[in-house]
Amino acid sequence: MPQIIKDNELALNERVKALSHEASDLKSELMSIGEELELAYAQTDKANNKLLEALDCFSTEVELPDVGYWSVNLETQELSISENGRLIYGISKEKRLTLTDGLKLVDEEFRDDMINTIAEALKSGKRIVKNYRMTTLDNGESKWLMTSGNITYNDHGSPLRISGSFVITTS
């Protein structure tokens, strides 16, 4: 009987070692896949940022079908959205908007993140780049947008304006 227990214990130890080795191999493989995914994400993010920077270089007079331009006067909180941008959001040409109105256009589950992103950009001066979902005001259509923007400062370093563009990524 003691020999059977020892044999079973040896077999069990061998199985544990084999499973440990297999788990280690799987962990290494998962780490490698994770690194590849992280690299792919970073490359995609970098490409998206370059695209948004290129779009920001266009004049607000240039209207592309899935692109809109926006600007916020930080002193008055007035939000300006290009004509095409208003079409994307389903906003009438006559409607005057504030920054608060603009934030209400962002679907509620993304709104706090957008507010935090803007606040962080105002503190750090970093470029705003954000993906979010919105629902058009005219027909309730849901769309995914990516926005980017920069902050303009006065001679004393106080923020005057945030402006940029947004592009429909999916609808």
Protein backbone atom coordinates (compact mmCIF):
# COMPACT_ATOMS: atom_id res chain seq x y z
CA MET A 1 0.00 0.00 0.00
CA PRO A 2 2.74 2.54 0.84
CA GLN A 3 4.33 1.85 -2.57
CA ILE A 4 1.02 2.61 -4.33
CA ILE A 5 0.75 5.90 -2.44
CA LYS A 6 4.34 6.79 -3.38
CA ASP A 7 3.68 5.87 -7.02
CA ASN A 8 0.50 7.97 -7.04
CA GLU A 9 2.35 10.84 -5.36
CA LEU A 10 5.14 10.65 -7.97
CA ALA A 11 2.62 10.58 -10.81
CA LEU A 12 0.77 13.50 -9.28
CA ASN A 13 4.01 15.48 -8.86
CA GLU A 14 4.94 14.76 -12.49
CA ARG A 15 1.49 15.93 -13.63
CA VAL A 16 1.79 19.11 -11.53
CA LYS A 17 5.23 19.82 -13.08
CA ALA A 18 3.85 19.24 -16.58
CA LEU A 19 0.87 21.53 -15.91
CA SER A 20 3.18 24.15 -14.40
CA HIS A 21 5.37 24.05 -17.49
CA GLU A 22 2.29 24.25 -19.75
CA ALA A 23 0.92 27.21 -17.74
CA SER A 24 4.28 28.97 -18.02
CA ASP A 25 4.31 28.43 -21.79
CA LEU A 26 0.74 29.75 -22.07
CA LYS A 27 1.62 32.77 -19.95
CA SER A 28 4.58 33.56 -22.22
CA GLU A 29 2.40 33.17 -25.30
CA LEU A 30 -0.30 35.44 -23.83
CA MET A 31 2.30 38.05 -22.90
CA SER A 32 3.63 37.98 -26.45
CA ILE A 33 0.13 38.34 -27.92
CA GLY A 34 -0.59 41.18 -25.48
CA GLU A 35 2.55 43.01 -26.58
CA GLU A 36 1.58 42.57 -30.24
CA LEU A 37 -1.93 43.91 -29.54
CA GLU A 38 -0.52 46.86 -27.60
CA LEU A 39 1.82 47.69 -30.49
CA ALA A 40 -1.02 47.41 -33.02
CA TYR A 41 -3.22 49.65 -30.87
CA ALA A 42 -0.45 52.23 -30.52
CA GLN A 43 0.14 52.22 -34.28
CA THR A 44 -3.58 52.62 -34.98
CA ASP A 45 -3.84 55.40 -32.42
CA LYS A 46 -0.85 57.17 -33.95
CA ALA A 47 -2.36 56.87 -37.45
CA ASN A 48 -5.70 58.24 -36.19
CA ASN A 49 -3.92 61.19 -34.56
CA LYS A 50 -2.07 61.96 -37.80
CA LEU A 51 -5.36 61.87 -39.68
CA LEU A 52 -6.97 64.25 -37.19
CA GLU A 53 -3.98 66.59 -37.33
CA ALA A 54 -4.23 66.63 -41.13
CA LEU A 55 -7.96 67.40 -40.89
CA ASP A 56 -7.22 70.25 -38.46
CA CYS A 57 -4.95 71.79 -41.08
CA PHE A 58 -7.90 72.27 -43.42
CA SER A 59 -9.67 75.59 -43.25
CA THR A 60 -13.09 75.50 -41.64
CA GLU A 61 -14.34 76.59 -45.04
CA VAL A 62 -13.49 73.18 -46.49
CA GLU A 63 -16.38 70.85 -45.83
CA LEU A 64 -15.91 67.11 -46.23
CA PRO A 65 -19.05 64.94 -45.92
CA ASP A 66 -18.13 63.19 -42.65
CA VAL A 67 -16.12 66.03 -41.08
CA GLY A 68 -17.19 68.97 -38.97
CA TYR A 69 -15.29 71.76 -37.24
CA TRP A 70 -15.90 73.26 -33.83
CA SER A 71 -14.63 76.06 -31.66
CA VAL A 72 -15.37 77.21 -28.10
CA ASN A 73 -14.74 80.76 -26.89
CA LEU A 74 -13.73 80.04 -23.29
CA GLU A 75 -14.61 83.53 -22.10
CA THR A 76 -18.21 83.46 -23.38
CA GLN A 77 -18.57 79.63 -23.46
CA GLU A 78 -20.06 80.06 -26.96
CA LEU A 79 -19.73 76.94 -29.13
CA SER A 80 -19.45 77.34 -32.89
CA ILE A 81 -19.99 74.32 -35.14
CA SER A 82 -19.45 74.40 -38.90
CA GLU A 83 -22.41 74.05 -41.22
CA ASN A 84 -21.52 70.45 -42.06
CA GLY A 85 -20.95 69.72 -38.38
CA ARG A 86 -24.45 70.96 -37.63
CA LEU A 87 -25.79 68.58 -40.29
CA ILE A 88 -23.89 65.68 -38.68
CA TYR A 89 -25.37 66.49 -35.26
CA GLY A 90 -28.81 67.41 -36.64
CA ILE A 91 -28.66 70.98 -35.29
CA SER A 92 -30.43 73.84 -37.05
CA LYS A 93 -28.31 76.68 -38.46
CA GLU A 94 -30.03 79.28 -36.26
CA LYS A 95 -29.54 77.53 -32.91
CA ARG A 96 -26.96 79.25 -30.68
CA LEU A 97 -24.90 76.84 -28.62
CA THR A 98 -22.77 76.91 -25.49
CA LEU A 99 -20.09 74.46 -24.38
CA THR A 100 -22.69 72.92 -22.04
CA ASP A 101 -25.04 72.41 -25.01
CA GLY A 102 -22.23 70.76 -26.92
CA LEU A 103 -21.45 68.37 -24.09
CA LYS A 104 -25.12 67.36 -24.03
CA LEU A 105 -24.68 66.18 -27.64
CA VAL A 106 -22.28 63.50 -26.40
CA ASP A 107 -24.12 60.36 -25.26
CA GLU A 108 -24.42 60.34 -21.48
CA GLU A 109 -22.14 57.34 -20.91
CA PHE A 110 -19.25 59.22 -22.60
CA ARG A 111 -19.99 62.71 -21.27
CA ASP A 112 -18.01 62.62 -18.00
CA ASP A 113 -14.99 61.22 -19.84
CA MET A 114 -15.24 64.06 -22.38
CA ILE A 115 -15.50 66.65 -19.59
CA ASN A 116 -12.45 65.16 -17.86
CA THR A 117 -10.51 65.12 -21.14
CA ILE A 118 -11.24 68.81 -21.75
CA ALA A 119 -10.36 69.72 -18.15
CA GLU A 120 -7.07 67.80 -18.40
CA ALA A 121 -6.25 69.46 -21.73
CA LEU A 122 -6.89 72.89 -20.21
CA LYS A 123 -4.51 72.08 -17.33
CA SER A 124 -1.79 70.38 -19.37
CA GLY A 125 -2.10 72.04 -22.77
CA LYS A 126 -2.21 68.60 -24.38
CA ARG A 127 -4.12 68.00 -27.59
CA ILE A 128 -7.64 66.61 -27.21
CA VAL A 129 -8.27 63.33 -29.00
CA LYS A 130 -11.39 61.40 -28.07
CA ASN A 131 -13.78 58.81 -29.49
CA TYR A 132 -17.41 59.05 -28.42
CA ARG A 133 -20.94 58.20 -29.46
CA MET A 134 -23.68 60.75 -30.05
CA THR A 135 -27.31 60.72 -31.09
CA THR A 136 -28.46 63.21 -33.70
CA LEU A 137 -31.03 65.77 -32.56
CA ASP A 138 -33.11 65.65 -35.74
CA ASN A 139 -33.70 61.92 -36.22
CA GLY A 140 -32.14 60.12 -33.23
CA GLU A 141 -29.51 58.35 -35.32
CA SER A 142 -26.56 57.04 -33.30
CA LYS A 143 -23.06 57.83 -34.63
CA TRP A 144 -19.50 57.28 -33.45
CA LEU A 145 -17.22 60.28 -33.80
CA MET A 146 -13.60 61.02 -33.19
CA THR A 147 -12.74 64.56 -32.21
CA SER A 148 -9.46 66.36 -31.85
CA GLY A 149 -8.65 69.87 -30.83
CA ASN A 150 -6.07 72.30 -29.56
CA ILE A 151 -6.15 75.10 -27.03
CA THR A 152 -5.20 78.65 -27.96
CA TYR A 153 -3.66 80.76 -25.17
CA ASN A 154 -3.26 84.51 -24.72
CA ASP A 155 0.12 86.19 -24.10
CA HIS A 156 -0.23 85.56 -20.36
CA GLY A 157 -0.78 81.81 -20.79
CA SER A 158 -4.52 81.83 -20.10
CA PRO A 159 -6.66 79.63 -22.38
CA LEU A 160 -8.80 81.62 -24.82
CA ARG A 161 -10.25 79.08 -27.20
CA ILE A 162 -10.47 75.36 -27.90
CA SER A 163 -10.97 74.42 -31.52
CA GLY A 164 -10.71 71.37 -33.71
CA SER A 165 -12.55 68.93 -35.87
CA PHE A 166 -14.60 65.77 -35.62
CA VAL A 167 -15.09 62.96 -38.08
CA ILE A 168 -17.72 60.24 -38.25
CA THR A 169 -16.01 56.90 -37.68
CA THR A 170 -19.18 54.73 -37.85
CA SER A 171 -22.90 55.24 -37.75
